[in-house]
Amino acid sequence: MSYVVQHQYRFDAQGKLDADDWLVIPRSDLAPSFQLDDVLAQTIVRFYFDAVAEFSILPIQVIQSAQSAQLRAPFGKTALIFAESERVVDARRAETSWQIAGGFLLAHRVNYGGRFYLGAEWQTDALKLYAAIRRYPPRVVNNFGIARGTALYRQTQERIHRRVQEKFLQRLAAHITHRAER
């Protein structure tokens, strides 16, 4: 069974991006023993970075440590650096987040690069799997201005981001529900 991935991307007046990608799995599609735990949080992170490496247009190498991750593009260029990871696991959600700390996709001379979230949370009768970005200033918007930069972002980085998110979320859903991905 395939689940529909939803997307919502918005730029604020300063050109900072809030992006949400998610899908919802009915509780009836989950094993009765399914629970939000640290193993699930680790699995979500692993599936995400596997999808980045496999489905990005450029070959991306993911280098992870306990507190950070770097997405390396060809020629040793670092596309993004995720730092200061935090994990929250409780009865309602399993989530890992990082500060977006650097890389050539991040705007220059910003004091905060935003935050990236991966997780799962219970809704009334379903499980929501999600990836979210908050207050991220892309370099292309910073360099070309809000109007031209957001248009360029939507035609380039957003398309790649959507593709990776769809593959990541659908593969994760297939894994969690023990059903084949379509």
Foldseek 3Di string as FASTA:
>chain_A
DFWDKDKDWDADPVRFIKIKIKTKAFLVLFDPPDAWDQVLLVVLVVLLVVLCCPQFPFRWDWDDDPFKIFTAGPPRFTAWIFGGWDWDTDRFKTKIKTFTDDGQQAAPPDPGQWMWMWIWGDDDGIIMTMIITPRHRTNQCVVPPNPVSVVVCCVPVVVSVVRSSSSSRRVSVCVRSVHDRD
